[in-house]
Amino acid sequence: MLPYVLWEGYFTLINAWSESGSGISTTGATILNDIESLPHGLLFWRSSTHYIGGLGVVVFMMMILPSVGMERFRMSKMEITDISKTNFRYRSNKLIRVLISVYLAITVLSFIALILAGMSPFDAINHSFSVTATGGFSTRNLSIGAYESPLIEFVLMLFMVISTIHLGLLYASFASRSARVFRDPVTRFYLTTILVSIVLVTLSLMLGGGEQNALQALREGAFSVVTTISTTGFAISYTSGWPILAVLILFYVSIQCGCSGSTSSGVRSDRMFLIFKGVRVQIIKMAHPNAVVQVKSGGQVVDKELLSSVYTYLFLYLFLAFVGSLIYAMTGMGLMESVSSSISMMSNIGPAFGEYGSMSSFADAPQIAKFVMGVQMIVGRLGLYPVLLLFTLFRKNVRWQ
């Protein structure tokens, strides 16, 4: 917060809190109407807060938590689900080294690719920080739309997808020189979700959005789907006036988001994968009461305890998003703005819909709403279970004092 407060300008205490929370949580929601008026030093600081928070506050906590063994394991288990761990065996210390290595590699590669695509070195380093962390802060008022470059958009889409796949799996695939990552059922589910969503949004724009140019509809639809599901929040067009089908698809992917073990937030594709598997099994049991059907992933049976934790996580996520929506509505925000802002903050996406759409800012949001948004951003970035674990550890320490 300090750099913002010292610069003053737009930054009241609440605005500085909101912008700082948005940066460190990799949300990318901004209270600034004129980003380009900031000095380069402050722009670089904004992007750096993404980069600091991007590797995961949870991983940071794994390093500073008391080395009680069991608690560190519990923390890592919450951040990286059993599905991912069956594909990448690790110990927490080794995991941290692997994540940092892959994180740095993605940053360097995206920086080089953006320069080759036509960005200036300053813009490239800032956007490489944002895309690696799936944050969304840009150096331009119109975000990526300011460049009007399909090549830059493609480069960013590529690295947004890469950054939201399990970093450990990326490392394992590179180390073994294999397509191991594509054999992972969660990765396939995630990529399939992206492709299906792009097709549906593109068709929606072509048929109901007044888009005469199919290529332009594909360009806007693909970028919007990828930037939303990756929780990055970059923008190349205004999405608030889009057809309802396109908006609903973006709502869904903003809840599912990327894979565990990546810089993504939200419910995560790992959990949504299991939820769909579980629903399928229940439907089969309803149709065939005597059938013995179990939820499986990668050929292995998923235990009921894990399934229960997945359902509980989804319920907690939706409940907190609902509570956030109520608070925003009480501050005077509209229905669309309240619901979309709450989901956006919980999933660390950034832009919402309506008044706070893809190329807008939260500058005019009520002060109380900005404070609550900052809280939701941090909770969403840490993850619900880690927050509960930290609360439990805090209560335990207070009790013994």
Protein backbone atom coordinates (compact mmCIF):
# COMPACT_ATOMS: atom_id res chain seq x y z
CA MET A 1 0.00 0.00 0.00
CA LEU A 2 2.81 2.41 0.88
CA PRO A 3 3.93 3.30 -2.70
CA TYR A 4 0.33 4.16 -3.62
CA VAL A 5 -0.26 6.22 -0.48
CA LEU A 6 3.00 8.14 -0.95
CA TRP A 7 2.15 8.93 -4.57
CA GLU A 8 -1.30 10.13 -3.46
CA GLY A 9 -3.19 11.11 -6.63
CA TYR A 10 -6.20 8.79 -6.85
CA PHE A 11 -5.09 6.76 -3.87
CA THR A 12 -7.10 7.33 -0.73
CA LEU A 13 -6.46 4.77 1.99
CA ILE A 14 -9.34 2.58 0.77
CA ASN A 15 -8.23 2.88 -2.87
CA ALA A 16 -4.66 1.97 -1.92
CA TRP A 17 -5.96 -1.05 0.02
CA SER A 18 -8.08 -2.18 -2.92
CA GLU A 19 -5.31 -1.74 -5.51
CA SER A 20 -2.76 -3.47 -3.28
CA GLY A 21 -5.10 -6.36 -2.54
CA SER A 22 -5.86 -6.64 -6.24
CA GLY A 23 -2.15 -6.79 -7.03
CA ILE A 24 -0.93 -9.26 -4.41
CA SER A 25 -3.97 -11.50 -4.92
CA THR A 26 -3.43 -11.39 -8.71
CA THR A 27 -6.99 -10.17 -9.25
CA GLY A 28 -6.21 -7.26 -11.54
CA ALA A 29 -9.29 -5.19 -10.68
CA THR A 30 -8.30 -1.54 -10.61
CA ILE A 31 -9.68 1.68 -9.15
CA LEU A 32 -7.83 3.72 -11.80
CA ASN A 33 -9.54 5.42 -14.71
CA ASP A 34 -6.30 6.72 -16.23
CA ILE A 35 -3.64 4.04 -15.78
CA GLU A 36 -1.31 5.68 -18.28
CA SER A 37 -1.01 8.76 -16.07
CA LEU A 38 0.97 6.77 -13.49
CA PRO A 39 4.77 7.09 -13.52
CA HIS A 40 6.64 4.08 -14.87
CA GLY A 41 7.99 3.26 -11.43
CA LEU A 42 4.49 2.87 -10.00
CA LEU A 43 3.30 0.90 -13.03
CA PHE A 44 6.20 -1.48 -12.52
CA TRP A 45 5.35 -1.76 -8.83
CA ARG A 46 1.73 -2.67 -9.70
CA SER A 47 2.90 -5.49 -11.96
CA SER A 48 5.47 -6.60 -9.40
CA THR A 49 2.76 -7.10 -6.78
CA HIS A 50 1.16 -9.54 -9.20
CA TYR A 51 4.44 -11.36 -9.61
CA ILE A 52 5.02 -11.57 -5.87
CA GLY A 53 1.56 -12.98 -5.24
CA GLY A 54 1.39 -15.03 -8.41
CA LEU A 55 3.38 -18.07 -7.39
CA GLY A 56 0.86 -18.51 -4.64
CA VAL A 57 0.54 -17.07 -1.20
CA VAL A 58 -0.12 -20.65 -0.18
CA VAL A 59 3.36 -21.73 -1.28
CA PHE A 60 4.79 -18.80 0.65
CA MET A 61 2.91 -19.92 3.73
CA MET A 62 4.27 -23.43 3.28
CA MET A 63 7.75 -21.92 3.65
CA ILE A 64 7.02 -19.86 6.75
CA LEU A 65 4.62 -22.15 8.59
CA PRO A 66 6.18 -23.87 11.58
CA SER A 67 7.83 -27.04 10.32
CA VAL A 68 5.29 -29.27 12.00
CA GLY A 69 5.33 -31.65 9.07
CA MET A 70 1.66 -32.55 9.18
CA GLU A 71 0.44 -28.98 8.89
CA ARG A 72 2.66 -28.31 5.87
CA PHE A 73 1.34 -31.46 4.24
CA ARG A 74 -2.24 -30.44 4.93
CA MET A 75 -1.62 -27.03 3.40
CA SER A 76 -0.08 -28.46 0.23
CA LYS A 77 -2.83 -31.05 -0.05
CA MET A 78 -5.43 -28.30 -0.10
CA GLU A 79 -3.61 -26.35 -2.81
CA ILE A 80 -2.83 -29.34 -5.03
CA THR A 81 -5.53 -31.98 -5.19
CA ASP A 82 -5.01 -35.73 -5.18
CA ILE A 83 -5.75 -35.90 -8.90
CA SER A 84 -2.73 -33.78 -9.69
CA LYS A 85 -0.54 -35.57 -7.17
CA THR A 86 -1.12 -38.92 -8.84
CA ASN A 87 0.62 -37.44 -11.88
CA PHE A 88 3.40 -35.65 -10.07
CA ARG A 89 4.90 -37.13 -6.89
CA TYR A 90 6.56 -34.56 -4.72
CA ARG A 91 7.67 -33.42 -1.31
CA SER A 92 6.76 -29.90 -0.29
CA ASN A 93 10.35 -28.57 -0.42
CA LYS A 94 10.96 -30.07 -3.85
CA LEU A 95 7.61 -28.74 -5.03
CA ILE A 96 8.58 -25.19 -4.10
CA ARG A 97 11.81 -25.41 -6.12
CA VAL A 98 9.99 -26.87 -9.11
CA LEU A 99 7.25 -24.23 -9.04
CA ILE A 100 9.76 -21.39 -8.84
CA SER A 101 11.79 -22.84 -11.74
CA VAL A 102 8.76 -23.22 -14.01
CA TYR A 103 7.42 -19.82 -12.94
CA LEU A 104 10.67 -18.08 -13.90
CA ALA A 105 10.86 -19.98 -17.19
CA ILE A 106 7.33 -18.92 -18.20
CA THR A 107 8.17 -15.32 -17.32
CA VAL A 108 11.31 -15.22 -19.46
CA LEU A 109 9.66 -16.96 -22.42
CA SER A 110 6.58 -14.72 -22.33
CA PHE A 111 8.78 -11.61 -22.07
CA ILE A 112 10.77 -12.61 -25.16
CA ALA A 113 7.64 -13.61 -27.08
CA LEU A 114 5.89 -10.30 -26.33
CA ILE A 115 8.90 -8.29 -27.52
CA LEU A 116 9.00 -10.33 -30.73
CA ALA A 117 5.25 -9.70 -31.12
CA GLY A 118 5.82 -5.95 -31.06
CA MET A 119 5.60 -4.77 -27.44
CA SER A 120 8.10 -2.33 -26.00
CA PRO A 121 10.49 -3.83 -23.40
CA PHE A 122 8.77 -1.94 -20.57
CA ASP A 123 5.29 -3.09 -21.56
CA ALA A 124 6.59 -6.61 -22.21
CA ILE A 125 8.11 -7.04 -18.73
CA ASN A 126 4.97 -5.70 -17.07
CA HIS A 127 2.65 -7.92 -19.07
CA SER A 128 4.91 -10.95 -18.65
CA PHE A 129 4.63 -10.46 -14.88
CA SER A 130 0.85 -10.23 -15.21
CA VAL A 131 0.36 -13.17 -17.55
CA THR A 132 2.65 -15.50 -15.59
CA ALA A 133 0.82 -14.63 -12.39
CA THR A 134 -2.54 -14.64 -14.22
CA GLY A 135 -3.06 -11.20 -12.73
CA GLY A 136 -4.37 -8.76 -15.32
CA PHE A 137 -2.79 -5.39 -14.54
CA SER A 138 -1.88 -3.63 -17.78
CA THR A 139 0.08 -0.49 -18.54
CA ARG A 140 -2.65 0.72 -20.90
CA ASN A 141 -6.09 2.18 -20.21
CA LEU A 142 -7.68 -0.13 -22.79
CA SER A 143 -5.73 -3.15 -21.58
CA ILE A 144 -4.60 -5.41 -24.44
CA GLY A 145 -7.16 -3.81 -26.74
CA ALA A 146 -4.87 -0.78 -26.94
CA TYR A 147 -2.35 -2.71 -29.05
CA GLU A 148 -4.86 -3.87 -31.69
CA SER A 149 -2.53 -6.78 -32.41
CA PRO A 150 -3.85 -10.32 -33.00
CA LEU A 151 -0.28 -11.61 -32.59
CA ILE A 152 0.10 -10.09 -29.10
CA GLU A 153 -3.32 -11.47 -28.19
CA PHE A 154 -2.33 -14.96 -29.37
CA VAL A 155 0.93 -14.87 -27.41
CA LEU A 156 -0.90 -13.82 -24.26
CA MET A 157 -3.59 -16.49 -24.73
CA LEU A 158 -0.91 -19.15 -25.11
CA PHE A 159 0.86 -18.15 -21.91
CA MET A 160 -2.40 -17.66 -20.02
CA VAL A 161 -3.25 -21.29 -20.74
CA ILE A 162 0.26 -22.50 -19.90
CA SER A 163 0.26 -20.60 -16.60
CA THR A 164 -3.01 -22.24 -15.53
CA ILE A 165 -1.90 -25.83 -16.05
CA HIS A 166 -0.35 -27.63 -13.08
CA LEU A 167 3.21 -26.27 -13.02
CA GLY A 168 4.49 -29.56 -11.63
CA LEU A 169 3.04 -31.43 -14.59
CA LEU A 170 4.66 -28.96 -16.97
CA TYR A 171 7.98 -29.61 -15.27
CA ALA A 172 7.48 -33.39 -15.37
CA SER A 173 6.59 -33.27 -19.07
CA PHE A 174 9.65 -31.18 -19.87
CA ALA A 175 11.96 -33.32 -17.74
CA SER A 176 10.72 -36.56 -19.30
CA ARG A 177 10.43 -35.02 -22.80
CA SER A 178 6.92 -36.41 -23.12
CA ALA A 179 3.34 -35.26 -23.58
CA ARG A 180 2.61 -36.33 -20.03
CA VAL A 181 0.66 -33.18 -19.27
CA PHE A 182 -1.89 -34.01 -21.98
CA ARG A 183 -2.49 -37.46 -20.52
CA ASP A 184 -3.67 -35.90 -17.29
CA PRO A 185 -7.50 -36.15 -17.13
CA VAL A 186 -7.86 -32.77 -15.43
CA THR A 187 -5.75 -31.01 -18.07
CA ARG A 188 -7.83 -32.61 -20.82
CA PHE A 189 -11.02 -31.55 -19.04
CA TYR A 190 -9.67 -28.00 -18.67
CA LEU A 191 -8.61 -27.68 -22.31
CA THR A 192 -11.91 -29.19 -23.48
CA THR A 193 -13.80 -26.64 -21.39
CA ILE A 194 -11.84 -23.85 -23.07
CA LEU A 195 -12.50 -25.14 -26.59
CA VAL A 196 -16.22 -25.77 -26.02
CA SER A 197 -16.63 -22.36 -24.37
CA ILE A 198 -14.86 -20.60 -27.24
CA VAL A 199 -17.15 -22.27 -29.78
CA LEU A 200 -20.30 -21.35 -27.82
CA VAL A 201 -19.26 -17.75 -27.17
CA THR A 202 -18.19 -17.27 -30.80
CA LEU A 203 -21.51 -18.63 -32.09
CA SER A 204 -23.37 -16.43 -29.61
CA LEU A 205 -21.52 -13.34 -30.83
CA MET A 206 -22.14 -14.23 -34.47
CA LEU A 207 -25.83 -15.02 -34.08
CA GLY A 208 -26.92 -12.63 -31.36
CA GLY A 209 -24.26 -10.01 -30.97
CA GLY A 210 -24.37 -8.29 -34.33
CA GLU A 211 -20.89 -9.56 -35.28
CA GLN A 212 -20.85 -9.82 -39.07
CA ASN A 213 -17.24 -10.95 -39.17
CA ALA A 214 -16.83 -14.55 -38.00
CA LEU A 215 -13.08 -14.08 -37.54
CA GLN A 216 -13.61 -11.04 -35.30
CA ALA A 217 -16.19 -12.95 -33.26
CA LEU A 218 -13.72 -15.82 -32.85
CA ARG A 219 -10.94 -13.40 -31.90
CA GLU A 220 -12.99 -11.65 -29.21
CA GLY A 221 -14.67 -14.83 -28.00
CA ALA A 222 -11.45 -16.84 -27.71
CA PHE A 223 -9.57 -14.10 -25.89
CA SER A 224 -12.42 -13.41 -23.48
CA VAL A 225 -12.86 -17.09 -22.61
CA VAL A 226 -9.15 -17.67 -22.05
CA THR A 227 -8.59 -14.48 -20.06
CA THR A 228 -11.60 -15.30 -17.84
CA ILE A 229 -11.01 -19.00 -17.19
CA SER A 230 -7.33 -18.31 -16.54
CA THR A 231 -8.38 -15.57 -14.05
CA THR A 232 -6.08 -13.11 -15.82
CA GLY A 233 -8.64 -10.47 -16.69
CA PHE A 234 -7.01 -8.82 -19.71
CA ALA A 235 -9.47 -7.36 -22.21
CA ILE A 236 -9.65 -6.53 -25.91
CA SER A 237 -13.35 -5.61 -26.10
CA TYR A 238 -16.33 -4.55 -24.00
CA THR A 239 -18.21 -7.67 -22.89
CA SER A 240 -21.03 -6.04 -20.92
CA GLY A 241 -23.29 -5.69 -23.97
CA TRP A 242 -22.76 -9.26 -25.16
CA PRO A 243 -25.62 -11.77 -25.70
CA ILE A 244 -26.85 -13.55 -22.58
CA LEU A 245 -25.46 -16.94 -23.69
CA ALA A 246 -21.94 -15.53 -24.01
CA VAL A 247 -22.25 -13.85 -20.60
CA LEU A 248 -23.50 -17.08 -18.98
CA ILE A 249 -20.57 -19.03 -20.43
CA LEU A 250 -18.15 -16.45 -19.04
CA PHE A 251 -19.93 -16.67 -15.68
CA TYR A 252 -19.40 -20.43 -15.62
CA VAL A 253 -15.73 -20.38 -16.60
CA SER A 254 -15.13 -17.65 -14.02
CA ILE A 255 -16.18 -20.17 -11.37
CA GLN A 256 -14.33 -23.21 -12.75
CA CYS A 257 -11.03 -21.45 -13.62
CA GLY A 258 -7.67 -23.18 -14.11
CA CYS A 259 -5.95 -26.20 -12.58
CA SER A 260 -4.64 -26.68 -9.07
CA GLY A 261 -0.90 -26.29 -8.73
CA SER A 262 -0.99 -23.26 -11.03
CA THR A 263 -1.34 -19.52 -10.49
CA SER A 264 -5.08 -19.72 -11.10
CA SER A 265 -7.77 -19.29 -8.45
CA GLY A 266 -11.50 -20.05 -8.29
CA VAL A 267 -13.01 -23.45 -7.60
CA ARG A 268 -10.37 -24.99 -9.90
CA SER A 269 -10.80 -27.45 -12.75
CA ASP A 270 -9.70 -30.36 -10.55
CA ARG A 271 -12.73 -29.94 -8.32
CA MET A 272 -15.18 -29.25 -11.16
CA PHE A 273 -13.89 -32.38 -12.89
CA LEU A 274 -14.75 -34.46 -9.82
CA ILE A 275 -18.11 -32.73 -9.40
CA PHE A 276 -19.15 -33.65 -12.95
CA LYS A 277 -17.88 -37.18 -12.39
CA GLY A 278 -19.87 -37.41 -9.17
CA VAL A 279 -23.05 -36.09 -10.80
CA ARG A 280 -22.67 -38.61 -13.61
CA VAL A 281 -22.35 -41.47 -11.12
CA GLN A 282 -25.45 -40.30 -9.23
CA ILE A 283 -27.49 -40.16 -12.45
CA ILE A 284 -26.40 -43.70 -13.33
CA LYS A 285 -27.37 -44.92 -9.84
CA MET A 286 -30.78 -43.27 -10.15
CA ALA A 287 -31.37 -45.04 -13.48
CA HIS A 288 -29.88 -48.34 -12.26
CA PRO A 289 -30.33 -48.61 -8.46
CA ASN A 290 -28.50 -51.94 -8.23
CA ALA A 291 -25.50 -50.84 -10.26
CA VAL A 292 -22.13 -50.60 -8.50
CA VAL A 293 -20.59 -47.44 -9.92
CA GLN A 294 -17.71 -45.45 -8.46
CA VAL A 295 -16.15 -42.10 -9.26
CA LYS A 296 -12.84 -42.70 -11.00
CA SER A 297 -10.06 -40.47 -12.22
CA GLY A 298 -7.17 -41.75 -14.27
CA GLY A 299 -8.30 -45.31 -13.63
CA GLN A 300 -8.22 -44.87 -9.85
CA VAL A 301 -11.21 -44.78 -7.52
CA VAL A 302 -11.71 -41.42 -5.83
CA ASP A 303 -12.42 -41.85 -2.12
CA LYS A 304 -15.61 -40.44 -0.62
CA GLU A 305 -13.73 -38.15 1.77
CA LEU A 306 -12.14 -36.29 -1.13
CA LEU A 307 -15.48 -36.04 -2.93
CA SER A 308 -17.08 -34.68 0.22
CA SER A 309 -14.37 -32.02 0.55
CA VAL A 310 -14.89 -31.03 -3.09
CA TYR A 311 -18.64 -30.58 -2.64
CA THR A 312 -18.04 -28.66 0.58
CA TYR A 313 -15.55 -26.36 -1.16
CA LEU A 314 -18.03 -25.55 -3.94
CA PHE A 315 -20.74 -24.82 -1.37
CA LEU A 316 -18.45 -22.52 0.63
CA TYR A 317 -17.36 -20.72 -2.54
CA LEU A 318 -20.93 -20.11 -3.70
CA PHE A 319 -22.04 -19.13 -0.19
CA LEU A 320 -19.29 -16.53 0.19
CA ALA A 321 -19.96 -15.25 -3.32
CA PHE A 322 -23.64 -14.91 -2.37
CA VAL A 323 -22.77 -13.05 0.84
CA GLY A 324 -20.48 -10.74 -1.11
CA SER A 325 -23.25 -10.08 -3.62
CA LEU A 326 -25.63 -9.12 -0.80
CA ILE A 327 -23.10 -6.71 0.69
CA TYR A 328 -22.45 -5.07 -2.68
CA ALA A 329 -26.19 -4.79 -3.34
CA MET A 330 -26.66 -3.09 0.04
CA THR A 331 -24.09 -0.46 -0.95
CA GLY A 332 -26.23 0.47 -3.95
CA MET A 333 -24.62 -1.60 -6.72
CA GLY A 334 -26.92 -3.16 -9.33
CA LEU A 335 -27.78 -6.87 -9.47
CA MET A 336 -25.47 -7.72 -12.37
CA GLU A 337 -22.65 -5.64 -10.90
CA SER A 338 -23.08 -7.18 -7.43
CA VAL A 339 -23.13 -10.83 -8.51
CA SER A 340 -20.43 -10.57 -11.16
CA SER A 341 -18.15 -8.48 -8.93
CA SER A 342 -18.44 -10.98 -6.08
CA ILE A 343 -17.60 -13.94 -8.31
CA SER A 344 -14.82 -11.97 -9.98
CA MET A 345 -13.21 -11.10 -6.63
CA MET A 346 -13.56 -14.64 -5.25
CA SER A 347 -11.93 -16.07 -8.39
CA ASN A 348 -9.37 -13.24 -8.69
CA ILE A 349 -10.43 -12.42 -12.25
CA GLY A 350 -10.69 -8.64 -12.04
CA PRO A 351 -13.31 -7.22 -14.42
CA ALA A 352 -16.98 -7.90 -13.80
CA PHE A 353 -20.03 -7.09 -15.93
CA GLY A 354 -22.26 -4.07 -16.29
CA GLU A 355 -20.79 -0.82 -15.01
CA TYR A 356 -17.57 -2.59 -13.99
CA GLY A 357 -17.05 -4.48 -17.23
CA SER A 358 -13.96 -5.67 -19.05
CA MET A 359 -12.54 -2.26 -19.97
CA SER A 360 -13.91 -0.32 -17.02
CA SER A 361 -12.60 0.26 -13.51
CA PHE A 362 -13.98 0.16 -9.97
CA ALA A 363 -13.15 3.84 -9.42
CA ASP A 364 -16.80 4.75 -8.82
CA ALA A 365 -17.62 1.72 -6.64
CA PRO A 366 -18.80 2.54 -3.09
CA GLN A 367 -16.00 2.79 -0.51
CA ILE A 368 -17.41 -0.05 1.61
CA ALA A 369 -17.63 -2.23 -1.49
CA LYS A 370 -13.97 -1.55 -2.30
CA PHE A 371 -12.94 -2.66 1.19
CA VAL A 372 -15.00 -5.87 0.97
CA MET A 373 -13.58 -6.53 -2.49
CA GLY A 374 -10.08 -6.39 -1.03
CA VAL A 375 -11.05 -8.99 1.58
CA GLN A 376 -12.67 -11.25 -1.02
CA MET A 377 -9.59 -11.00 -3.24
CA ILE A 378 -7.27 -12.18 -0.46
CA VAL A 379 -9.60 -14.99 0.63
CA GLY A 380 -9.98 -16.12 -2.98
CA ARG A 381 -6.22 -16.10 -3.53
CA LEU A 382 -5.39 -18.05 -0.38
CA GLY A 383 -8.17 -20.56 -1.00
CA LEU A 384 -11.02 -21.31 1.37
CA TYR A 385 -9.50 -24.34 3.10
CA PRO A 386 -6.12 -22.68 3.75
CA VAL A 387 -7.95 -19.69 5.24
CA LEU A 388 -9.86 -22.04 7.55
CA LEU A 389 -6.59 -23.77 8.45
CA LEU A 390 -4.92 -20.47 9.29
CA PHE A 391 -7.92 -19.48 11.39
CA THR A 392 -7.72 -22.81 13.24
CA LEU A 393 -3.98 -22.39 13.85
CA PHE A 394 -4.56 -18.84 15.09
CA ARG A 395 -7.24 -19.97 17.53
CA LYS A 396 -5.00 -22.78 18.77
CA ASN A 397 -2.10 -20.39 19.41
CA VAL A 398 -4.33 -17.86 21.16
CA ARG A 399 -5.81 -20.57 23.35
CA TRP A 400 -2.38 -21.69 24.56
CA GLN A 401 -1.19 -18.18 25.40
